[in-house]
């Protein structure tokens, strides 16, 4: 629902319903446009470097595609998230067996989530990286199996959904912005959009 009218055309470079739900909290008009980019990790690239590069690339892809057709000032929001365990970037399990194996390595340990945001206009570029540390409980194999069977996590990096039942696996979370773990650090995004000139509220 749009509450505030602006001279800006805000675009979320993502089809994620979770990111859209977060951005919708600001009460501004925006639309979602997918960004078809190669998300392959480069050799030697860290989780931080990968997620920031992809967030910026997603925003740039949409800006390049739409800038010539825009009558208003485009404000593109690109975001990406990469999970890391003991320095290793986590992939999607793709199978029940892999999901159980992946979650078993997390018990009584922590996983770091690097959530990057890039906000682009034709003249300005703003970037931000938020780090969330998720501490897991001492989980039994039965608990892990029950969770994997209860929630569709085969296409989720790390084999869990923090915005769903996955939060029951956690002991605690450490970060500066509770929305970062869901995929879009809204404290920073709101401040950035205000700096550009968008009225919130």
C-alpha atoms as a PDB file:
ATOM      1  CA  UNK A   1       0.000   0.000   0.000  1.00  0.00           C
ATOM      2  CA  UNK A   2       1.460   3.355  -0.998  1.00  0.00           C
ATOM      3  CA  UNK A   3       1.140   6.182   1.500  1.00  0.00           C
ATOM      4  CA  UNK A   4       3.720   8.724   0.386  1.00  0.00           C
ATOM      5  CA  UNK A   5       4.108  10.238  -3.085  1.00  0.00           C
ATOM      6  CA  UNK A   6       7.595  11.169  -4.306  1.00  0.00           C
ATOM      7  CA  UNK A   7       9.210  12.601  -7.428  1.00  0.00           C
ATOM      8  CA  UNK A   8      11.414   9.520  -7.383  1.00  0.00           C
ATOM      9  CA  UNK A   9      10.789   6.153  -8.990  1.00  0.00           C
ATOM     10  CA  UNK A  10      11.985   3.585  -6.462  1.00  0.00           C
ATOM     11  CA  UNK A  11      12.760   0.111  -7.763  1.00  0.00           C
ATOM     12  CA  UNK A  12      13.682  -2.936  -5.723  1.00  0.00           C
ATOM     13  CA  UNK A  13      16.016  -5.033  -7.873  1.00  0.00           C
ATOM     14  CA  UNK A  14      14.673  -8.272  -6.462  1.00  0.00           C
ATOM     15  CA  UNK A  15      11.625 -10.500  -6.723  1.00  0.00           C
ATOM     16  CA  UNK A  16      11.944 -11.578  -3.085  1.00  0.00           C
ATOM     17  CA  UNK A  17       8.595 -11.277  -1.263  1.00  0.00           C
ATOM     18  CA  UNK A  18      10.470 -10.907   2.031  1.00  0.00           C
ATOM     19  CA  UNK A  19      12.499  -7.909   0.855  1.00  0.00           C
ATOM     20  CA  UNK A  20       9.376  -6.371  -0.652  1.00  0.00           C
ATOM     21  CA  UNK A  21       7.514  -6.817   2.620  1.00  0.00           C
ATOM     22  CA  UNK A  22      10.318  -5.022   4.476  1.00  0.00           C
ATOM     23  CA  UNK A  23      10.489  -2.121   2.016  1.00  0.00           C
ATOM     24  CA  UNK A  24       6.715  -1.812   2.111  1.00  0.00           C
ATOM     25  CA  UNK A  25       6.972  -0.832   5.785  1.00  0.00           C
ATOM     26  CA  UNK A  26       8.262   2.588   4.725  1.00  0.00           C
ATOM     27  CA  UNK A  27       4.962   3.409   3.035  1.00  0.00           C
ATOM     28  CA  UNK A  28       6.506   4.526  -0.265  1.00  0.00           C
ATOM     29  CA  UNK A  29       5.662   3.652  -3.853  1.00  0.00           C
ATOM     30  CA  UNK A  30       8.054   1.141  -5.390  1.00  0.00           C
ATOM     31  CA  UNK A  31       8.076  -1.661  -7.898  1.00  0.00           C
ATOM     32  CA  UNK A  32      10.030  -4.875  -8.149  1.00  0.00           C
ATOM     33  CA  UNK A  33      12.188  -5.673 -11.172  1.00  0.00           C
ATOM     34  CA  UNK A  34      14.263  -8.840 -11.408  1.00  0.00           C
ATOM     35  CA  UNK A  35      17.974  -8.609 -12.112  1.00  0.00           C
ATOM     36  CA  UNK A  36      19.284 -11.414 -14.283  1.00  0.00           C
ATOM     37  CA  UNK A  37      22.968 -11.545 -13.368  1.00  0.00           C
ATOM     38  CA  UNK A  38      25.652 -14.196 -12.944  1.00  0.00           C
ATOM     39  CA  UNK A  39      25.997 -14.817  -9.196  1.00  0.00           C
ATOM     40  CA  UNK A  40      28.998 -17.134  -9.431  1.00  0.00           C
ATOM     41  CA  UNK A  41      31.660 -16.556  -6.804  1.00  0.00           C
ATOM     42  CA  UNK A  42      35.011 -15.502  -8.232  1.00  0.00           C
ATOM     43  CA  UNK A  43      38.202 -17.376  -7.241  1.00  0.00           C
ATOM     44  CA  UNK A  44      39.511 -16.086  -3.924  1.00  0.00           C
ATOM     45  CA  UNK A  45      36.480 -13.864  -3.340  1.00  0.00           C
ATOM     46  CA  UNK A  46      35.365 -13.565   0.287  1.00  0.00           C
ATOM     47  CA  UNK A  47      31.755 -13.669   1.430  1.00  0.00           C
ATOM     48  CA  UNK A  48      31.861  -9.925   2.095  1.00  0.00           C
ATOM     49  CA  UNK A  49      33.310  -9.142  -1.328  1.00  0.00           C
ATOM     50  CA  UNK A  50      30.867 -11.444  -3.115  1.00  0.00           C
ATOM     51  CA  UNK A  51      27.717 -10.093  -1.512  1.00  0.00           C
ATOM     52  CA  UNK A  52      28.693  -6.438  -2.000  1.00  0.00           C
ATOM     53  CA  UNK A  53      29.619  -7.027  -5.644  1.00  0.00           C
ATOM     54  CA  UNK A  54      26.340  -8.816  -6.341  1.00  0.00           C
ATOM     55  CA  UNK A  55      24.203  -6.186  -4.602  1.00  0.00           C
ATOM     56  CA  UNK A  56      25.814  -3.445  -6.684  1.00  0.00           C
ATOM     57  CA  UNK A  57      25.651  -5.496  -9.870  1.00  0.00           C
ATOM     58  CA  UNK A  58      21.936  -6.195  -9.394  1.00  0.00           C
ATOM     59  CA  UNK A  59      21.175  -2.504  -8.939  1.00  0.00           C
ATOM     60  CA  UNK A  60      23.375  -1.504 -11.881  1.00  0.00           C
ATOM     61  CA  UNK A  61      21.748  -4.091 -14.144  1.00  0.00           C
ATOM     62  CA  UNK A  62      18.294  -2.626 -13.505  1.00  0.00           C
ATOM     63  CA  UNK A  63      19.511   0.977 -13.729  1.00  0.00           C
ATOM     64  CA  UNK A  64      21.179   0.350 -17.099  1.00  0.00           C
ATOM     65  CA  UNK A  65      18.043  -1.336 -18.385  1.00  0.00           C
ATOM     66  CA  UNK A  66      15.536   1.332 -17.331  1.00  0.00           C
ATOM     67  CA  UNK A  67      17.384   4.651 -17.144  1.00  0.00           C
ATOM     68  CA  UNK A  68      16.738   5.718 -20.740  1.00  0.00           C
ATOM     69  CA  UNK A  69      12.989   5.096 -20.361  1.00  0.00           C
ATOM     70  CA  UNK A  70      12.494   6.939 -17.062  1.00  0.00           C
ATOM     71  CA  UNK A  71      10.790  10.320 -16.700  1.00  0.00           C
ATOM     72  CA  UNK A  72      11.448  10.457 -12.962  1.00  0.00           C
ATOM     73  CA  UNK A  73      14.667  10.058 -10.976  1.00  0.00           C
ATOM     74  CA  UNK A  74      15.328   6.347 -10.652  1.00  0.00           C
ATOM     75  CA  UNK A  75      16.399   5.026  -7.266  1.00  0.00           C
ATOM     76  CA  UNK A  76      17.449   1.392  -7.543  1.00  0.00           C
ATOM     77  CA  UNK A  77      17.879  -0.785  -4.468  1.00  0.00           C
ATOM     78  CA  UNK A  78      19.980  -3.899  -4.949  1.00  0.00           C
ATOM     79  CA  UNK A  79      20.563  -6.379  -2.151  1.00  0.00           C
ATOM     80  CA  UNK A  80      22.327  -9.678  -1.702  1.00  0.00           C
ATOM     81  CA  UNK A  81      23.039 -12.019   1.169  1.00  0.00           C
ATOM     82  CA  UNK A  82      25.768 -14.610   1.611  1.00  0.00           C
ATOM     83  CA  UNK A  83      26.097 -17.006   4.542  1.00  0.00           C
ATOM     84  CA  UNK A  84      29.456 -18.230   5.800  1.00  0.00           C
ATOM     85  CA  UNK A  85      30.448 -20.941   8.280  1.00  0.00           C
ATOM     86  CA  UNK A  86      34.023 -20.978   9.543  1.00  0.00           C
ATOM     87  CA  UNK A  87      35.105 -18.922   6.552  1.00  0.00           C
ATOM     88  CA  UNK A  88      33.397 -21.131   3.965  1.00  0.00           C
ATOM     89  CA  UNK A  89      30.582 -19.710   1.826  1.00  0.00           C
ATOM     90  CA  UNK A  90      27.434 -21.788   2.223  1.00  0.00           C
ATOM     91  CA  UNK A  91      25.547 -23.062  -0.776  1.00  0.00           C
ATOM     92  CA  UNK A  92      22.029 -24.400  -1.249  1.00  0.00           C
ATOM     93  CA  UNK A  93      21.634 -28.044  -0.157  1.00  0.00           C
ATOM     94  CA  UNK A  94      19.374 -29.138  -3.072  1.00  0.00           C
ATOM     95  CA  UNK A  95      18.587 -32.426  -1.252  1.00  0.00           C
ATOM     96  CA  UNK A  96      17.249 -33.542   2.135  1.00  0.00           C
ATOM     97  CA  UNK A  97      20.447 -35.436   2.881  1.00  0.00           C
ATOM     98  CA  UNK A  98      22.637 -32.402   2.196  1.00  0.00           C
ATOM     99  CA  UNK A  99      20.382 -30.140   4.268  1.00  0.00           C
ATOM    100  CA  UNK A 100      20.646 -32.439   7.281  1.00  0.00           C
ATOM    101  CA  UNK A 101      24.400 -32.700   6.848  1.00  0.00           C
ATOM    102  CA  UNK A 102      24.793 -28.933   6.546  1.00  0.00           C
ATOM    103  CA  UNK A 103      22.689 -28.158   9.617  1.00  0.00           C
ATOM    104  CA  UNK A 104      24.536 -30.806  11.630  1.00  0.00           C
ATOM    105  CA  UNK A 105      27.774 -28.852  11.204  1.00  0.00           C
ATOM    106  CA  UNK A 106      26.155 -25.735  12.705  1.00  0.00           C
ATOM    107  CA  UNK A 107      25.072 -27.173  16.061  1.00  0.00           C
ATOM    108  CA  UNK A 108      26.520 -25.271  19.013  1.00  0.00           C
ATOM    109  CA  UNK A 109      28.354 -23.058  16.513  1.00  0.00           C
ATOM    110  CA  UNK A 110      27.738 -19.807  14.638  1.00  0.00           C
ATOM    111  CA  UNK A 111      26.961 -18.865  11.041  1.00  0.00           C
ATOM    112  CA  UNK A 112      27.660 -15.369   9.727  1.00  0.00           C
ATOM    113  CA  UNK A 113      25.329 -13.639   7.287  1.00  0.00           C
ATOM    114  CA  UNK A 114      26.678 -10.797   5.178  1.00  0.00           C
ATOM    115  CA  UNK A 115      23.838  -8.663   3.830  1.00  0.00           C
ATOM    116  CA  UNK A 116      24.874  -6.007   1.323  1.00  0.00           C
ATOM    117  CA  UNK A 117      22.790  -3.173  -0.084  1.00  0.00           C
ATOM    118  CA  UNK A 118      23.550  -0.874  -2.988  1.00  0.00           C
ATOM    119  CA  UNK A 119      21.361   2.137  -3.744  1.00  0.00           C
ATOM    120  CA  UNK A 120      21.982   3.753  -7.129  1.00  0.00           C
ATOM    121  CA  UNK A 121      20.708   6.811  -8.957  1.00  0.00           C
ATOM    122  CA  UNK A 122      22.097   8.177 -12.219  1.00  0.00           C
ATOM    123  CA  UNK A 123      24.443  10.401 -10.178  1.00  0.00           C
ATOM    124  CA  UNK A 124      24.983   8.750  -6.796  1.00  0.00           C
ATOM    125  CA  UNK A 125      25.970   5.412  -5.313  1.00  0.00           C
ATOM    126  CA  UNK A 126      25.503   4.300  -1.704  1.00  0.00           C
ATOM    127  CA  UNK A 127      26.709   0.978  -0.310  1.00  0.00           C
ATOM    128  CA  UNK A 128      26.299  -0.785   3.002  1.00  0.00           C
ATOM    129  CA  UNK A 129      27.243  -4.144   4.513  1.00  0.00           C
ATOM    130  CA  UNK A 130      25.548  -5.589   7.578  1.00  0.00           C
ATOM    131  CA  UNK A 131      26.918  -8.619   9.449  1.00  0.00           C
ATOM    132  CA  UNK A 132      24.650 -10.911  11.448  1.00  0.00           C
ATOM    133  CA  UNK A 133      25.976 -13.681  13.670  1.00  0.00           C
ATOM    134  CA  UNK A 134      23.548 -16.536  14.233  1.00  0.00           C
ATOM    135  CA  UNK A 135      24.356 -18.902  17.107  1.00  0.00           C
ATOM    136  CA  UNK A 136      22.812 -22.358  16.872  1.00  0.00           C
ATOM    137  CA  UNK A 137      21.633 -24.592  19.685  1.00  0.00           C
ATOM    138  CA  UNK A 138      23.087 -28.002  20.477  1.00  0.00           C
ATOM    139  CA  UNK A 139      20.720 -29.720  18.056  1.00  0.00           C
ATOM    140  CA  UNK A 140      19.998 -33.439  17.967  1.00  0.00           C
ATOM    141  CA  UNK A 141      19.808 -35.318  14.688  1.00  0.00           C
ATOM    142  CA  UNK A 142      16.079 -35.843  15.278  1.00  0.00           C
ATOM    143  CA  UNK A 143      15.500 -32.100  15.730  1.00  0.00           C
ATOM    144  CA  UNK A 144      17.358 -31.388  12.502  1.00  0.00           C
ATOM    145  CA  UNK A 145      15.450 -34.056  10.571  1.00  0.00           C
ATOM    146  CA  UNK A 146      12.125 -32.776  11.921  1.00  0.00           C
ATOM    147  CA  UNK A 147      12.989 -29.254  10.859  1.00  0.00           C
ATOM    148  CA  UNK A 148      14.099 -30.217   7.339  1.00  0.00           C
ATOM    149  CA  UNK A 149      10.884 -32.209   6.891  1.00  0.00           C
ATOM    150  CA  UNK A 150       8.750 -29.318   8.175  1.00  0.00           C
ATOM    151  CA  UNK A 151      10.120 -26.459   6.074  1.00  0.00           C
ATOM    152  CA  UNK A 152      11.117 -26.220   2.408  1.00  0.00           C
ATOM    153  CA  UNK A 153      14.810 -25.325   2.699  1.00  0.00           C
ATOM    154  CA  UNK A 154      16.396 -27.154  -0.231  1.00  0.00           C
ATOM    155  CA  UNK A 155      16.912 -23.875  -2.113  1.00  0.00           C
ATOM    156  CA  UNK A 156      18.044 -21.896   0.940  1.00  0.00           C
ATOM    157  CA  UNK A 157      21.728 -21.226   1.553  1.00  0.00           C
ATOM    158  CA  UNK A 158      22.501 -22.718   4.955  1.00  0.00           C
ATOM    159  CA  UNK A 159      19.458 -25.033   4.834  1.00  0.00           C
ATOM    160  CA  UNK A 160      17.189 -22.905   7.027  1.00  0.00           C
ATOM    161  CA  UNK A 161      14.774 -19.966   6.870  1.00  0.00           C
ATOM    162  CA  UNK A 162      15.310 -17.390   9.598  1.00  0.00           C
ATOM    163  CA  UNK A 163      12.007 -15.739   8.681  1.00  0.00           C
ATOM    164  CA  UNK A 164      10.194 -19.014   9.357  1.00  0.00           C
ATOM    165  CA  UNK A 165      10.545 -22.041  11.611  1.00  0.00           C
ATOM    166  CA  UNK A 166      14.330 -21.844  11.317  1.00  0.00           C
ATOM    167  CA  UNK A 167      14.433 -19.335  14.151  1.00  0.00           C
ATOM    168  CA  UNK A 168      13.624 -22.220  16.524  1.00  0.00           C
ATOM    169  CA  UNK A 169      17.113 -23.602  15.841  1.00  0.00           C
ATOM    170  CA  UNK A 170      18.848 -20.490  17.166  1.00  0.00           C
ATOM    171  CA  UNK A 171      20.360 -19.806  20.562  1.00  0.00           C
ATOM    172  CA  UNK A 172      20.830 -16.084  19.874  1.00  0.00           C
ATOM    173  CA  UNK A 173      21.453 -13.521  17.150  1.00  0.00           C
ATOM    174  CA  UNK A 174      23.921 -10.629  17.156  1.00  0.00           C
ATOM    175  CA  UNK A 175      23.559  -7.734  14.718  1.00  0.00           C
ATOM    176  CA  UNK A 176      22.815  -4.026  14.426  1.00  0.00           C
ATOM    177  CA  UNK A 177      19.602  -4.333  12.430  1.00  0.00           C
ATOM    178  CA  UNK A 178      17.078  -7.151  12.981  1.00  0.00           C
ATOM    179  CA  UNK A 179      15.797  -6.839   9.408  1.00  0.00           C
ATOM    180  CA  UNK A 180      19.219  -7.569   7.897  1.00  0.00           C
ATOM    181  CA  UNK A 181      18.880 -11.298   8.451  1.00  0.00           C
ATOM    182  CA  UNK A 182      15.645 -11.303   6.437  1.00  0.00           C
ATOM    183  CA  UNK A 183      17.521  -9.747   3.522  1.00  0.00           C
ATOM    184  CA  UNK A 184      17.299  -5.934   3.658  1.00  0.00           C
ATOM    185  CA  UNK A 185      18.766  -3.790   6.493  1.00  0.00           C
ATOM    186  CA  UNK A 186      15.919  -1.301   6.795  1.00  0.00           C
ATOM    187  CA  UNK A 187      17.538   1.099   9.263  1.00  0.00           C
ATOM    188  CA  UNK A 188      20.250   1.907   6.724  1.00  0.00           C
ATOM    189  CA  UNK A 189      17.878   1.800   3.733  1.00  0.00           C
ATOM    190  CA  UNK A 190      15.464   4.273   5.336  1.00  0.00           C
ATOM    191  CA  UNK A 191      18.287   6.679   6.204  1.00  0.00           C
ATOM    192  CA  UNK A 192      19.763   6.378   2.706  1.00  0.00           C
ATOM    193  CA  UNK A 193      16.463   7.086   0.957  1.00  0.00           C
ATOM    194  CA  UNK A 194      15.897  10.109   3.192  1.00  0.00           C
ATOM    195  CA  UNK A 195      19.366  11.386   2.310  1.00  0.00           C
ATOM    196  CA  UNK A 196      18.487  11.144  -1.390  1.00  0.00           C
ATOM    197  CA  UNK A 197      15.362  13.211  -0.767  1.00  0.00           C
ATOM    198  CA  UNK A 198      12.590  10.671  -0.448  1.00  0.00           C
ATOM    199  CA  UNK A 199      10.035  11.580   2.201  1.00  0.00           C
ATOM    200  CA  UNK A 200       9.756   8.942   4.919  1.00  0.00           C
ATOM    201  CA  UNK A 201       7.189   9.235   6.295  1.00  0.00           C
END
